[in-house]
Amino acid sequence: MSADAGRDASSTASSTASSNASPNAIPSAHPNVSTPVTPPARDPGIVVDRQYGRTAIPYGWVPAPRFLLRRDRVLARLRQVPPGRVIEMGCGAASLLADLAAMGWSGAAVETSAHARTIASHMLADLPQMGLYEHPDPAWEGSFDLLMAFEVLEHIEDDVGVLTAWMRYLRPGGRVLLSVPAHAHRWTATDTFAGHVRRYDRRDFVALGEKAGARVVSCDNYGYPLANVVEPIKSWTHAKELSSVEPRKRPARTPEEIAARDARTSESGVHRDAEVRVFPLMTSLPGRLAMRACCHVQTWFTRSELGTGFLLEAVKP
């Protein structure tokens, strides 16, 4: 999922809904005539898994274990909330928005990465209530009940400025759900590979929400123990794919390192080669039982510092 969606959020005063028209919109033949419309068909490459949600194997995307751990916590929270209008910044493949559509939500998916947006267009092809946009429209201010951004803010230099800009799209009392990788000291080659600017300690993440004008309700740690097992394996594989100018153990600093980091950002969240290879194991009976158990076990450690990610919930005053 691309952080460019965030960087562009505060600089799209000239953007319009027409320039970002959703490929999922169903036009009316005449605005004053009620015409029966055949619902769009789901893309044949999109499969709805009963446990893991939508997958897009022909397009190279399946949910990663860490995505599923986060998804479990997000959906658990939103089952307690009446459906409304949602905007997700940096939606990536938009699988989570498909989950929300099944729960009665409608809204907008914002994604500036062309690769991710292509996958999302297949993912949402049969869901016209979820529009897909390259940039947000300033006319949307105050029109959404829920703002989501998962694993996006860590890509953005001016995270406070961008989150403040995003908050304008919420109505007063609207809800915010954000996630970021946890603990600055846990930097690995995967952070470099994904194009991260930083990881967050809990107090810094909470402070970010407050500086952006939100009232923070909770900040939970998630992922432990499964994500902690997966993280070093991914770091080892990603380290082998990095170029010689890309640092393995710290954020980018030099112009060359920053240029390489920014080039990687657009693939973050949709680079799933390894996950596609192991997905048959995840969908086996042992794999399903193990994932279900891990989703449950992580709830025992939400107040700890053991997991690899933070999930923040806040409200716009």
Protein backbone atom coordinates (compact mmCIF):
# COMPACT_ATOMS: atom_id res chain seq x y z
CA MET A 1 0.00 0.00 0.00
CA SER A 2 1.40 3.26 -1.06
CA ALA A 3 2.36 6.11 1.23
CA ASP A 4 1.99 8.45 -1.74
CA ALA A 5 -1.72 8.40 -0.95
CA GLY A 6 -0.83 10.19 2.24
CA ARG A 7 1.68 12.60 0.77
CA ASP A 8 -0.83 13.63 -1.88
CA ALA A 9 -3.68 14.07 0.60
CA SER A 10 -2.57 17.55 1.59
CA SER A 11 -1.78 18.71 -1.93
CA THR A 12 -4.84 17.82 -4.00
CA ALA A 13 -6.80 21.04 -3.84
CA SER A 14 -7.34 20.85 -7.57
CA SER A 15 -8.40 17.19 -7.56
CA THR A 16 -12.02 16.41 -8.34
CA ALA A 17 -14.16 13.33 -8.10
CA SER A 18 -14.54 13.31 -11.87
CA SER A 19 -10.77 13.22 -12.42
CA ASN A 20 -10.53 10.26 -10.04
CA ALA A 21 -13.72 8.54 -11.14
CA SER A 22 -14.10 5.10 -9.65
CA PRO A 23 -13.98 2.21 -12.10
CA ASN A 24 -16.63 0.62 -9.87
CA ALA A 25 -19.25 3.35 -10.26
CA ILE A 26 -22.47 2.33 -12.06
CA PRO A 27 -23.71 5.25 -14.17
CA SER A 28 -27.42 5.89 -14.47
CA ALA A 29 -28.89 6.13 -17.96
CA HIS A 30 -31.04 9.04 -16.79
CA PRO A 31 -30.86 10.67 -13.36
CA ASN A 32 -34.65 10.90 -13.04
CA VAL A 33 -35.52 7.41 -14.24
CA SER A 34 -35.26 4.30 -12.09
CA THR A 35 -33.61 1.74 -14.36
CA PRO A 36 -32.96 -1.84 -13.24
CA VAL A 37 -29.21 -2.41 -13.12
CA THR A 38 -27.59 -5.82 -13.24
CA PRO A 39 -25.10 -6.05 -10.36
CA PRO A 40 -21.53 -6.30 -11.61
CA ALA A 41 -19.99 -9.75 -11.52
CA ARG A 42 -17.03 -10.60 -9.32
CA ASP A 43 -13.73 -10.85 -11.16
CA PRO A 44 -13.09 -14.58 -11.77
CA GLY A 45 -9.58 -14.18 -10.36
CA ILE A 46 -10.95 -13.06 -6.99
CA VAL A 47 -11.80 -15.84 -4.54
CA VAL A 48 -13.56 -15.27 -1.24
CA ASP A 49 -11.99 -17.49 1.39
CA ARG A 50 -14.29 -18.21 4.32
CA GLN A 51 -11.53 -17.50 6.86
CA TYR A 52 -9.10 -15.16 5.12
CA GLY A 53 -11.38 -12.95 3.04
CA ARG A 54 -10.71 -12.10 -0.59
CA THR A 55 -7.62 -13.32 -2.42
CA ALA A 56 -6.26 -12.43 -5.86
CA ILE A 57 -3.82 -15.19 -6.72
CA PRO A 58 -3.81 -14.56 -10.51
CA TYR A 59 -2.75 -10.99 -9.74
CA GLY A 60 -0.06 -12.03 -7.27
CA TRP A 61 -1.79 -11.10 -4.01
CA VAL A 62 -2.81 -13.14 -0.98
CA PRO A 63 -3.08 -12.01 2.64
CA ALA A 64 0.16 -12.27 4.58
CA PRO A 65 0.06 -13.67 8.14
CA ARG A 66 0.67 -10.24 9.67
CA PHE A 67 -2.12 -8.79 7.54
CA LEU A 68 -4.47 -11.49 8.84
CA LEU A 69 -3.51 -10.81 12.46
CA ARG A 70 -4.25 -7.11 11.97
CA ARG A 71 -7.43 -7.82 10.00
CA ASP A 72 -8.73 -9.96 12.85
CA ARG A 73 -8.35 -7.09 15.33
CA VAL A 74 -9.80 -4.48 12.96
CA LEU A 75 -12.90 -6.51 12.11
CA ALA A 76 -13.45 -7.35 15.79
CA ARG A 77 -13.60 -3.61 16.54
CA LEU A 78 -15.83 -2.74 13.61
CA ARG A 79 -18.37 -5.43 14.44
CA GLN A 80 -19.24 -3.19 17.41
CA VAL A 81 -19.84 -0.16 15.16
CA PRO A 82 -22.89 0.59 12.97
CA PRO A 83 -21.85 0.65 9.29
CA GLY A 84 -21.49 3.98 7.55
CA ARG A 85 -19.08 5.61 5.11
CA VAL A 86 -15.39 4.71 5.22
CA ILE A 87 -12.28 6.12 3.56
CA GLU A 88 -9.08 4.09 3.51
CA MET A 89 -5.82 5.84 2.67
CA GLY A 90 -3.22 3.62 0.99
CA CYS A 91 -5.69 0.75 0.60
CA GLY A 92 -3.24 -1.54 -1.21
CA ALA A 93 -5.16 -4.50 -2.65
CA ALA A 94 -8.34 -3.30 -0.85
CA SER A 95 -9.21 -6.72 0.55
CA LEU A 96 -10.19 -5.22 3.89
CA LEU A 97 -12.61 -2.82 2.21
CA ALA A 98 -14.28 -5.83 0.60
CA ASP A 99 -14.75 -7.22 4.12
CA LEU A 100 -16.32 -3.94 5.20
CA ALA A 101 -18.63 -3.89 2.18
CA ALA A 102 -19.95 -7.28 3.30
CA MET A 103 -20.69 -5.68 6.69
CA GLY A 104 -22.74 -2.89 5.10
CA TRP A 105 -20.12 -0.16 4.71
CA SER A 106 -19.64 2.02 1.64
CA GLY A 107 -16.95 4.53 0.82
CA ALA A 108 -13.68 5.34 -0.92
CA ALA A 109 -10.40 3.49 -1.45
CA VAL A 110 -7.45 5.83 -2.08
CA GLU A 111 -4.28 4.38 -3.58
CA THR A 112 -1.63 6.17 -5.66
CA SER A 113 0.45 3.09 -6.50
CA ALA A 114 -0.56 2.03 -10.02
CA HIS A 115 0.30 -1.61 -9.28
CA ALA A 116 -1.72 -1.72 -6.07
CA ARG A 117 -4.60 0.17 -7.68
CA THR A 118 -4.77 -2.39 -10.48
CA ILE A 119 -5.12 -5.23 -7.97
CA ALA A 120 -7.69 -3.20 -6.00
CA SER A 121 -9.74 -2.61 -9.16
CA HIS A 122 -10.06 -6.38 -9.58
CA MET A 123 -10.76 -6.84 -5.87
CA LEU A 124 -13.60 -4.29 -5.86
CA ALA A 125 -15.01 -4.91 -9.34
CA ASP A 126 -18.33 -6.23 -8.00
CA LEU A 127 -18.58 -3.71 -5.16
CA PRO A 128 -19.78 -0.39 -6.64
CA GLN A 129 -20.37 0.97 -3.13
CA MET A 130 -16.57 1.11 -2.72
CA GLY A 131 -15.12 3.66 -5.12
CA LEU A 132 -11.45 3.47 -6.07
CA TYR A 133 -9.47 6.71 -6.44
CA GLU A 134 -5.90 7.75 -7.10
CA HIS A 135 -6.25 10.86 -4.92
CA PRO A 136 -8.78 12.11 -2.37
CA ASP A 137 -11.18 14.88 -3.36
CA PRO A 138 -11.22 18.04 -1.19
CA ALA A 139 -15.02 18.06 -1.59
CA TRP A 140 -15.14 14.96 0.62
CA GLU A 141 -14.34 16.96 3.75
CA GLY A 142 -16.56 16.04 6.68
CA SER A 143 -18.32 13.21 4.82
CA PHE A 144 -16.91 9.98 6.30
CA ASP A 145 -17.66 8.09 9.51
CA LEU A 146 -14.43 6.08 9.53
CA LEU A 147 -10.87 6.82 8.43
CA MET A 148 -8.47 3.90 8.05
CA ALA A 149 -4.78 3.74 7.18
CA PHE A 150 -2.86 0.54 7.84
CA GLU A 151 0.93 0.39 7.49
CA VAL A 152 1.06 3.73 5.65
CA LEU A 153 2.20 6.44 8.06
CA GLU A 154 5.61 4.83 8.57
CA HIS A 155 6.35 5.65 4.91
CA ILE A 156 5.70 9.38 5.28
CA GLU A 157 8.22 12.00 6.43
CA ASP A 158 5.59 14.51 7.57
CA ASP A 159 3.30 12.04 9.30
CA VAL A 160 1.69 14.71 11.52
CA GLY A 161 0.87 16.99 8.60
CA VAL A 162 -0.55 14.19 6.49
CA LEU A 163 -2.67 12.69 9.27
CA THR A 164 -3.99 16.16 10.09
CA ALA A 165 -5.02 16.54 6.43
CA TRP A 166 -6.73 13.15 6.47
CA MET A 167 -8.73 14.07 9.57
CA ARG A 168 -10.58 16.72 7.57
CA TYR A 169 -12.41 14.00 5.66
CA LEU A 170 -14.08 12.79 8.86
CA ARG A 171 -17.29 14.18 10.25
CA PRO A 172 -17.17 15.31 13.92
CA GLY A 173 -17.35 12.19 16.05
CA GLY A 174 -15.91 10.07 13.24
CA ARG A 175 -13.66 7.16 14.09
CA VAL A 176 -10.00 6.62 13.18
CA LEU A 177 -8.21 3.27 12.87
CA LEU A 178 -4.47 3.31 12.15
CA SER A 179 -1.69 0.76 12.29
CA VAL A 180 2.09 1.01 12.13
CA PRO A 181 5.09 -1.29 12.76
CA ALA A 182 6.08 -1.27 16.42
CA HIS A 183 9.31 -0.37 18.20
CA ALA A 184 12.00 1.80 16.67
CA HIS A 185 14.74 -0.53 17.94
CA ARG A 186 13.33 -3.46 15.92
CA TRP A 187 14.39 -2.06 12.55
CA THR A 188 15.18 -4.84 10.07
CA ALA A 189 15.93 -5.28 6.38
CA THR A 190 12.18 -5.69 5.85
CA ASP A 191 11.65 -2.06 6.87
CA THR A 192 14.19 -0.98 4.27
CA PHE A 193 12.67 -3.33 1.69
CA ALA A 194 9.20 -1.87 2.32
CA GLY A 195 10.38 1.75 2.05
CA HIS A 196 9.77 2.71 5.68
CA VAL A 197 10.89 6.03 7.14
CA ARG A 198 10.48 4.88 10.73
CA ARG A 199 8.94 2.43 13.19
CA TYR A 200 6.96 3.73 16.16
CA ASP A 201 7.13 3.35 19.90
CA ARG A 202 3.71 3.36 21.56
CA ARG A 203 3.97 6.81 23.11
CA ASP A 204 5.13 8.33 19.81
CA PHE A 205 2.20 6.78 17.96
CA VAL A 206 -0.28 8.07 20.53
CA ALA A 207 1.35 11.51 20.36
CA LEU A 208 0.99 11.47 16.57
CA GLY A 209 -2.76 10.93 16.83
CA GLU A 210 -3.12 13.70 19.39
CA LYS A 211 -1.02 16.18 17.38
CA ALA A 212 -3.28 15.52 14.38
CA GLY A 213 -6.30 16.57 16.45
CA ALA A 214 -7.70 13.16 17.36
CA ARG A 215 -8.79 11.94 20.80
CA VAL A 216 -7.01 8.63 21.24
CA VAL A 217 -9.21 5.86 22.65
CA SER A 218 -6.71 2.98 22.64
CA CYS A 219 -3.38 1.84 21.25
CA ASP A 220 -3.04 -1.92 21.22
CA ASN A 221 -0.03 -4.08 20.46
CA TYR A 222 -0.77 -6.91 18.02
CA GLY A 223 0.89 -9.81 16.28
CA TYR A 224 2.56 -11.72 19.11
CA PRO A 225 3.74 -14.45 18.84
CA LEU A 226 3.22 -15.38 15.17
CA ALA A 227 4.42 -12.10 13.66
CA ASN A 228 7.56 -12.29 15.81
CA VAL A 229 8.37 -15.68 14.28
CA VAL A 230 7.70 -14.51 10.72
CA GLU A 231 9.57 -11.19 11.00
CA PRO A 232 13.18 -12.52 11.14
CA ILE A 233 12.48 -14.95 8.31
CA LYS A 234 11.18 -12.15 6.10
CA SER A 235 14.09 -9.92 7.12
CA TRP A 236 16.58 -12.60 6.06
CA THR A 237 14.94 -13.03 2.65
CA HIS A 238 14.54 -9.29 2.10
CA ALA A 239 18.17 -8.57 3.02
CA LYS A 240 19.26 -10.71 0.08
CA GLU A 241 17.11 -8.63 -2.30
CA LEU A 242 18.38 -5.21 -1.23
CA SER A 243 20.91 -3.35 -3.33
CA SER A 244 24.36 -2.44 -2.04
CA VAL A 245 23.29 1.16 -1.28
CA GLU A 246 20.33 0.17 0.89
CA PRO A 247 20.95 -0.06 4.66
CA ARG A 248 19.90 -3.23 6.46
CA LYS A 249 19.82 -2.05 10.08
CA ARG A 250 18.71 1.60 10.02
CA PRO A 251 16.49 4.05 8.09
CA ALA A 252 17.73 5.67 4.88
CA ARG A 253 19.86 8.81 5.35
CA THR A 254 21.84 9.61 2.23
CA PRO A 255 20.24 10.86 -1.01
CA GLU A 256 20.98 7.53 -2.68
CA GLU A 257 19.39 5.57 0.15
CA ILE A 258 16.33 7.83 0.20
CA ALA A 259 15.86 7.50 -3.56
CA ALA A 260 15.97 3.71 -3.27
CA ARG A 261 13.52 3.82 -0.34
CA ASP A 262 11.00 5.93 -2.24
CA ALA A 263 11.18 3.60 -5.23
CA ARG A 264 10.20 0.67 -3.01
CA THR A 265 7.21 2.35 -1.35
CA SER A 266 4.77 1.76 -4.22
CA GLU A 267 5.23 -2.02 -3.93
CA SER A 268 4.73 -2.12 -0.18
CA GLY A 269 1.66 -4.14 0.71
CA VAL A 270 1.31 -5.83 -2.68
CA HIS A 271 4.66 -7.64 -2.95
CA ARG A 272 3.44 -11.13 -2.07
CA ASP A 273 5.65 -13.60 -3.96
CA ALA A 274 6.64 -15.59 -0.88
CA GLU A 275 3.12 -15.51 0.58
CA VAL A 276 1.61 -16.87 -2.65
CA ARG A 277 4.00 -19.82 -2.46
CA VAL A 278 3.03 -20.71 1.12
CA PHE A 279 -0.68 -19.95 0.81
CA PRO A 280 -1.60 -23.61 0.14
CA LEU A 281 -0.13 -24.41 3.56
CA MET A 282 -2.12 -21.57 5.14
CA THR A 283 -5.34 -22.94 3.62
CA SER A 284 -4.72 -26.51 4.79
CA LEU A 285 -6.58 -27.65 7.88
CA PRO A 286 -3.50 -27.41 10.14
CA GLY A 287 -2.73 -23.97 8.69
CA ARG A 288 -6.24 -22.73 9.29
CA LEU A 289 -6.32 -24.02 12.85
CA ALA A 290 -2.92 -22.48 13.59
CA MET A 291 -3.94 -19.08 12.19
CA ARG A 292 -7.19 -19.10 14.14
CA ALA A 293 -5.26 -19.91 17.32
CA CYS A 294 -2.69 -17.17 16.68
CA CYS A 295 -5.42 -14.58 16.07
CA HIS A 296 -6.88 -15.48 19.43
CA VAL A 297 -3.60 -15.68 21.36
CA GLN A 298 -2.51 -12.19 20.26
CA THR A 299 -5.47 -10.72 22.17
CA TRP A 300 -3.78 -11.75 25.43
CA PHE A 301 -0.89 -9.36 24.77
CA THR A 302 -2.53 -6.15 23.52
CA ARG A 303 -1.23 -4.10 26.47
CA SER A 304 2.27 -5.55 26.21
CA GLU A 305 5.21 -4.45 24.08
CA LEU A 306 5.80 -7.92 22.64
CA GLY A 307 4.09 -7.73 19.25
CA THR A 308 5.39 -6.23 16.01
CA GLY A 309 2.62 -3.70 15.37
CA PHE A 310 0.37 -1.11 16.99
CA LEU A 311 -3.31 -0.55 16.22
CA LEU A 312 -4.62 2.83 17.30
CA GLU A 313 -8.27 3.81 17.63
CA ALA A 314 -9.24 7.47 17.97
CA VAL A 315 -12.18 9.81 17.52
CA LYS A 316 -12.40 13.21 15.83
CA PRO A 317 -13.75 15.69 18.42
